[in-house]
Every structure is written in C-alpha cells, then in structure tokens.
C-alpha cells in the first residue's frame, strides 16, 4: 500500500477514528524517538566520538600550551622536541 493510498483510506474514516489513528501514530512515533534516543546515547563512546575528543583537553591549553605539552610528552609517546 502506498502512502497516498493510506492517506486516502485515513480520510474516509470517521472523525473519532481519525483522532484515534492520529493519537496512535503520535504515541508510536514518540516511542520510536525515545528508543532511538536511548540507543544513540548508549552508542556514543567517548573514545570513538571525534567531537568529544576535540574538546577533551585542558581549558588552559591556549594560554599554557607549552607547559601542558611538556607534561604530556613522554618518551614512549612518539613525540620529540625539535630545537
């Protein structure tokens, strides 16, 4: 059944049946959105989310970048200082 056929059939319902149908559709949509939101929040892994990593730093990075980077750079990190 196409969407147009569904709309046509819904228009042939009585007003009370149309209201009941609209209410059921809104409840179903609300439940789907809630499930979708729950799934999205459960799936958002801070390690895999690049936007979280973008902001996951020191708030003082702009003003104290050299001091913070000096503390962060370890011999095993793969970073070196160039003179």
C-alpha atoms as a PDB file:
ATOM      1  CA  UNK A   1       0.000   0.000   0.000  1.00  0.00           C
ATOM      2  CA  UNK A   2       1.393   3.403  -0.921  1.00  0.00           C
ATOM      3  CA  UNK A   3       1.386   6.475   1.303  1.00  0.00           C
ATOM      4  CA  UNK A   4      -1.225   8.086  -0.926  1.00  0.00           C
ATOM      5  CA  UNK A   5      -3.498   5.058  -0.512  1.00  0.00           C
ATOM      6  CA  UNK A   6      -3.019   5.163   3.264  1.00  0.00           C
ATOM      7  CA  UNK A   7      -3.893   8.867   3.354  1.00  0.00           C
ATOM      8  CA  UNK A   8      -6.941   8.252   1.206  1.00  0.00           C
ATOM      9  CA  UNK A   9      -8.119   5.460   3.491  1.00  0.00           C
ATOM     10  CA  UNK A  10      -7.498   7.598   6.598  1.00  0.00           C
ATOM     11  CA  UNK A  11      -9.589  10.424   5.129  1.00  0.00           C
ATOM     12  CA  UNK A  12     -12.517   8.039   4.731  1.00  0.00           C
ATOM     13  CA  UNK A  13     -12.536   7.256   8.473  1.00  0.00           C
ATOM     14  CA  UNK A  14     -14.928   8.981  10.838  1.00  0.00           C
ATOM     15  CA  UNK A  15     -13.589  11.963  12.765  1.00  0.00           C
ATOM     16  CA  UNK A  16     -13.270   9.990  16.011  1.00  0.00           C
ATOM     17  CA  UNK A  17     -11.391   7.200  14.191  1.00  0.00           C
ATOM     18  CA  UNK A  18      -9.100   9.794  12.572  1.00  0.00           C
ATOM     19  CA  UNK A  19      -8.350  11.263  16.001  1.00  0.00           C
ATOM     20  CA  UNK A  20      -7.697   7.786  17.432  1.00  0.00           C
ATOM     21  CA  UNK A  21      -5.403   6.975  14.483  1.00  0.00           C
ATOM     22  CA  UNK A  22      -3.512  10.261  14.881  1.00  0.00           C
ATOM     23  CA  UNK A  23      -3.108   9.586  18.605  1.00  0.00           C
ATOM     24  CA  UNK A  24      -1.772   6.082  17.970  1.00  0.00           C
ATOM     25  CA  UNK A  25       0.626   7.376  15.331  1.00  0.00           C
ATOM     26  CA  UNK A  26       1.938  10.060  17.700  1.00  0.00           C
ATOM     27  CA  UNK A  27       2.404   7.523  20.515  1.00  0.00           C
ATOM     28  CA  UNK A  28       4.247   5.141  18.208  1.00  0.00           C
ATOM     29  CA  UNK A  29       6.443   7.933  16.866  1.00  0.00           C
ATOM     30  CA  UNK A  30       7.187   9.112  20.405  1.00  0.00           C
ATOM     31  CA  UNK A  31       8.177   5.588  21.448  1.00  0.00           C
ATOM     32  CA  UNK A  32      10.392   5.186  18.376  1.00  0.00           C
ATOM     33  CA  UNK A  33      12.082   8.523  19.070  1.00  0.00           C
ATOM     34  CA  UNK A  34      12.664   7.537  22.714  1.00  0.00           C
ATOM     35  CA  UNK A  35      14.159   4.177  21.700  1.00  0.00           C
ATOM     36  CA  UNK A  36      16.270   5.953  19.102  1.00  0.00           C
ATOM     37  CA  UNK A  37      17.499   8.492  21.670  1.00  0.00           C
ATOM     38  CA  UNK A  38      18.286   5.740  24.196  1.00  0.00           C
ATOM     39  CA  UNK A  39      20.198   3.786  21.569  1.00  0.00           C
ATOM     40  CA  UNK A  40      22.116   6.867  20.444  1.00  0.00           C
ATOM     41  CA  UNK A  41      23.157   7.756  23.994  1.00  0.00           C
ATOM     42  CA  UNK A  42      24.183   4.158  24.688  1.00  0.00           C
ATOM     43  CA  UNK A  43      26.206   4.006  21.479  1.00  0.00           C
ATOM     44  CA  UNK A  44      28.095   7.267  21.943  1.00  0.00           C
ATOM     45  CA  UNK A  45      31.518   6.107  23.030  1.00  0.00           C
ATOM     46  CA  UNK A  46      33.790   8.991  24.000  1.00  0.00           C
ATOM     47  CA  UNK A  47      36.779   7.207  22.510  1.00  0.00           C
ATOM     48  CA  UNK A  48      35.086   6.789  19.121  1.00  0.00           C
ATOM     49  CA  UNK A  49      33.359  10.170  19.024  1.00  0.00           C
ATOM     50  CA  UNK A  50      35.718  12.691  17.388  1.00  0.00           C
ATOM     51  CA  UNK A  51      33.767  15.716  18.642  1.00  0.00           C
ATOM     52  CA  UNK A  52      34.213  14.685  22.258  1.00  0.00           C
ATOM     53  CA  UNK A  53      37.925  14.223  21.644  1.00  0.00           C
ATOM     54  CA  UNK A  54      38.061  17.654  20.078  1.00  0.00           C
ATOM     55  CA  UNK A  55      37.001  19.300  23.333  1.00  0.00           C
ATOM     56  CA  UNK A  56      38.577  16.803  25.747  1.00  0.00           C
ATOM     57  CA  UNK A  57      41.558  18.891  26.686  1.00  0.00           C
ATOM     58  CA  UNK A  58      42.696  21.334  29.258  1.00  0.00           C
ATOM     59  CA  UNK A  59      40.709  24.571  29.314  1.00  0.00           C
ATOM     60  CA  UNK A  60      44.029  26.413  29.769  1.00  0.00           C
ATOM     61  CA  UNK A  61      45.579  24.975  26.595  1.00  0.00           C
ATOM     62  CA  UNK A  62      45.531  28.315  24.767  1.00  0.00           C
ATOM     63  CA  UNK A  63      47.363  30.190  27.495  1.00  0.00           C
ATOM     64  CA  UNK A  64      49.591  27.421  28.872  1.00  0.00           C
ATOM     65  CA  UNK A  65      50.186  25.234  25.836  1.00  0.00           C
ATOM     66  CA  UNK A  66      53.920  24.718  26.262  1.00  0.00           C
ATOM     67  CA  UNK A  67      53.680  23.758  29.934  1.00  0.00           C
ATOM     68  CA  UNK A  68      50.798  21.354  29.287  1.00  0.00           C
ATOM     69  CA  UNK A  69      52.505  19.763  26.285  1.00  0.00           C
ATOM     70  CA  UNK A  70      55.743  19.393  28.253  1.00  0.00           C
ATOM     71  CA  UNK A  71      53.865  17.412  30.894  1.00  0.00           C
ATOM     72  CA  UNK A  72      52.017  15.321  28.282  1.00  0.00           C
ATOM     73  CA  UNK A  73      55.037  14.362  26.160  1.00  0.00           C
ATOM     74  CA  UNK A  74      56.567  11.150  27.433  1.00  0.00           C
ATOM     75  CA  UNK A  75      59.475   9.253  25.894  1.00  0.00           C
ATOM     76  CA  UNK A  76      57.110   6.427  24.865  1.00  0.00           C
ATOM     77  CA  UNK A  77      54.600   8.830  23.268  1.00  0.00           C
ATOM     78  CA  UNK A  78      56.486   9.063  19.999  1.00  0.00           C
ATOM     79  CA  UNK A  79      56.835  12.847  20.185  1.00  0.00           C
ATOM     80  CA  UNK A  80      60.154  14.639  20.263  1.00  0.00           C
ATOM     81  CA  UNK A  81      61.143  18.253  20.737  1.00  0.00           C
ATOM     82  CA  UNK A  82      62.997  19.944  17.899  1.00  0.00           C
ATOM     83  CA  UNK A  83      65.428  22.668  18.772  1.00  0.00           C
END
